[in-house]
């Protein structure tokens, strides 16, 4: 229907206009080119689906590994003992124990940052979970927040 309307308009137009329109108009897509486009889309979809499934499988595999723990309790304990011996955190005398990949820290410190460092140390040693029961003294909390400024908000008038 659309094609016939187009042809009727061309018949009514002057000859020079019809020649210009015919030169500039795009040819109508053939059935062969439409099939080629559809085949290309299907091929791309077929290539992308297995890649997506492989990515999802590897992600779920990593999640399963993190729950079961890749390191044994003795390996985690040995790694933590080495790291404690090399770091300043070890001088605070923290105690820890490992059970089923869960590291539990106990002790006290005068440096606020040592509590977070102990947690990071346990995670990097292969711990699945860290329970940090390290207490920071009042002096340590005061020193840790000494350089911070309080924010005051004045009510609008």
Protein backbone atom coordinates (compact mmCIF):
# COMPACT_ATOMS: atom_id res chain seq x y z
CA UNK A 1 0.00 0.00 0.00
CA UNK A 2 2.74 2.43 0.96
CA UNK A 3 4.72 1.59 -2.15
CA UNK A 4 1.72 2.28 -4.37
CA UNK A 5 1.15 5.69 -2.74
CA UNK A 6 4.78 6.52 -3.33
CA UNK A 7 4.49 5.54 -7.00
CA UNK A 8 1.31 7.62 -7.43
CA UNK A 9 3.10 10.70 -6.06
CA UNK A 10 6.00 10.11 -8.42
CA UNK A 11 3.67 9.89 -11.43
CA UNK A 12 2.13 13.28 -10.57
CA UNK A 13 5.44 15.05 -9.91
CA UNK A 14 7.46 16.67 -12.70
CA UNK A 15 10.03 14.48 -14.40
CA UNK A 16 13.11 16.21 -12.94
CA UNK A 17 11.79 15.80 -9.37
CA UNK A 18 11.09 12.11 -9.89
CA UNK A 19 14.63 11.53 -11.13
CA UNK A 20 16.11 13.26 -8.05
CA UNK A 21 13.88 11.28 -5.69
CA UNK A 22 14.75 7.97 -7.38
CA UNK A 23 18.48 8.75 -7.17
CA UNK A 24 18.35 9.66 -3.46
CA UNK A 25 15.89 7.03 -2.28
CA UNK A 26 17.30 3.89 -0.71
CA UNK A 27 16.48 0.57 -2.29
CA UNK A 28 13.95 -1.54 -0.49
CA UNK A 29 15.53 -4.29 1.64
CA UNK A 30 15.37 -7.67 0.00
CA UNK A 31 14.35 -10.85 1.67
CA UNK A 32 17.93 -12.11 1.40
CA UNK A 33 19.38 -9.15 3.32
CA UNK A 34 16.75 -9.50 6.03
CA UNK A 35 17.61 -13.19 6.41
CA UNK A 36 21.31 -12.28 6.64
CA UNK A 37 20.61 -9.76 9.43
CA UNK A 38 18.50 -12.28 11.34
CA UNK A 39 21.21 -14.94 10.99
CA UNK A 40 23.84 -12.51 12.30
CA UNK A 41 21.73 -11.68 15.34
CA UNK A 42 21.15 -15.37 16.09
CA UNK A 43 24.86 -16.12 15.71
CA UNK A 44 25.82 -13.34 18.12
CA UNK A 45 23.23 -14.51 20.62
CA UNK A 46 24.53 -18.07 20.38
CA UNK A 47 28.06 -16.87 21.06
CA UNK A 48 27.12 -14.67 24.02
CA UNK A 49 24.91 -17.13 25.90
CA UNK A 50 27.65 -19.73 26.63
CA UNK A 51 30.05 -16.96 27.70
CA UNK A 52 27.47 -15.62 30.16
CA UNK A 53 26.82 -19.11 31.55
CA UNK A 54 30.55 -19.68 32.03
CA UNK A 55 30.91 -16.35 33.85
CA UNK A 56 27.99 -17.19 36.15
CA UNK A 57 29.40 -20.65 36.86
CA UNK A 58 32.84 -19.27 37.76
CA UNK A 59 31.27 -16.65 40.04
CA UNK A 60 29.22 -19.25 41.89
CA UNK A 61 32.30 -21.47 42.13
CA UNK A 62 34.26 -18.65 43.80
CA UNK A 63 31.38 -18.02 46.20
CA UNK A 64 31.31 -21.71 47.15
CA UNK A 65 35.07 -21.63 47.76
CA UNK A 66 34.83 -18.61 50.03
CA UNK A 67 32.20 -20.35 52.18
CA UNK A 68 34.14 -23.56 52.55
CA UNK A 69 37.45 -21.73 53.04
CA UNK A 70 40.43 -22.40 50.86
CA UNK A 71 42.90 -22.51 53.76
CA UNK A 72 42.81 -24.91 56.69
CA UNK A 73 42.74 -23.65 60.26
CA UNK A 74 46.40 -24.53 60.80
CA UNK A 75 47.43 -22.67 57.61
CA UNK A 76 45.50 -19.58 58.71
CA UNK A 77 47.06 -19.77 62.17
CA UNK A 78 50.60 -20.08 60.80
CA UNK A 79 50.07 -17.18 58.39
CA UNK A 80 48.67 -14.98 61.16
CA UNK A 81 51.56 -15.79 63.49
CA UNK A 82 54.06 -14.80 60.76
CA UNK A 83 52.23 -11.54 60.06
CA UNK A 84 51.92 -10.68 63.75
CA UNK A 85 55.66 -11.21 64.25
CA UNK A 86 56.45 -8.74 61.43
CA UNK A 87 53.93 -5.99 62.27
CA UNK A 88 53.47 -3.34 64.95
CA UNK A 89 50.12 -4.92 65.79
CA UNK A 90 51.93 -7.94 67.22
CA UNK A 91 53.45 -5.79 69.97
CA UNK A 92 50.01 -5.19 71.48
CA UNK A 93 49.85 -8.82 72.59
CA UNK A 94 46.61 -9.72 70.85
CA UNK A 95 45.40 -13.30 71.17
CA UNK A 96 43.49 -15.13 68.47
CA UNK A 97 42.08 -18.55 67.80
CA UNK A 98 40.90 -20.15 64.56
CA UNK A 99 37.94 -22.49 64.25
CA UNK A 100 36.43 -23.63 60.92
CA UNK A 101 38.00 -20.68 59.11
CA UNK A 102 36.66 -18.12 61.62
CA UNK A 103 39.32 -16.04 63.39
CA UNK A 104 38.40 -14.56 66.78
CA UNK A 105 40.60 -11.73 68.11
CA UNK A 106 40.85 -10.78 71.79
CA UNK A 107 42.89 -8.17 73.62
CA UNK A 108 43.18 -4.43 74.11
CA UNK A 109 45.16 -1.63 72.49
CA UNK A 110 45.92 2.08 72.81
CA UNK A 111 45.92 2.58 69.01
CA UNK A 112 42.55 2.65 67.29
CA UNK A 113 43.93 1.63 63.88
CA UNK A 114 45.38 -1.65 65.23
CA UNK A 115 41.88 -3.11 65.63
CA UNK A 116 41.13 -2.68 61.91
CA UNK A 117 44.63 -3.86 60.97
CA UNK A 118 44.06 -7.10 62.87
CA UNK A 119 40.83 -7.74 60.95
CA UNK A 120 42.51 -7.09 57.59
CA UNK A 121 45.42 -9.31 58.58
CA UNK A 122 43.07 -12.21 59.37
CA UNK A 123 41.16 -11.84 56.09
CA UNK A 124 44.36 -11.73 54.04
CA UNK A 125 45.51 -14.91 55.80
CA UNK A 126 42.50 -16.79 54.44
CA UNK A 127 39.87 -16.38 57.16
CA UNK A 128 36.28 -16.77 56.02
CA UNK A 129 34.95 -14.62 58.86
CA UNK A 130 36.57 -12.44 61.55
CA UNK A 131 35.17 -11.79 65.03
CA UNK A 132 37.05 -8.80 66.43
CA UNK A 133 36.70 -8.50 70.22
CA UNK A 134 39.67 -6.14 70.58
CA UNK A 135 38.94 -3.24 72.95
CA UNK A 136 40.36 0.22 72.30
CA UNK A 137 41.20 2.18 75.48
CA UNK A 138 39.67 5.58 76.18
CA UNK A 139 43.07 7.21 75.60
CA UNK A 140 43.32 5.44 72.23
CA UNK A 141 39.87 6.66 71.22
CA UNK A 142 40.77 10.21 72.26
CA UNK A 143 44.03 10.07 70.27
CA UNK A 144 42.26 8.58 67.26
CA UNK A 145 39.68 11.36 67.14
CA UNK A 146 42.01 14.21 68.18
CA UNK A 147 42.50 15.66 64.68
CA UNK A 148 38.84 15.39 63.72
CA UNK A 149 36.62 18.46 63.87
CA UNK A 150 33.05 18.39 65.09
CA UNK A 151 30.42 19.54 62.65
CA UNK A 152 27.89 22.00 63.96
CA UNK A 153 24.70 22.82 62.16
CA UNK A 154 22.99 26.08 62.97
CA UNK A 155 19.23 26.26 62.57
CA UNK A 156 17.92 28.45 59.77
CA UNK A 157 16.39 31.75 60.79
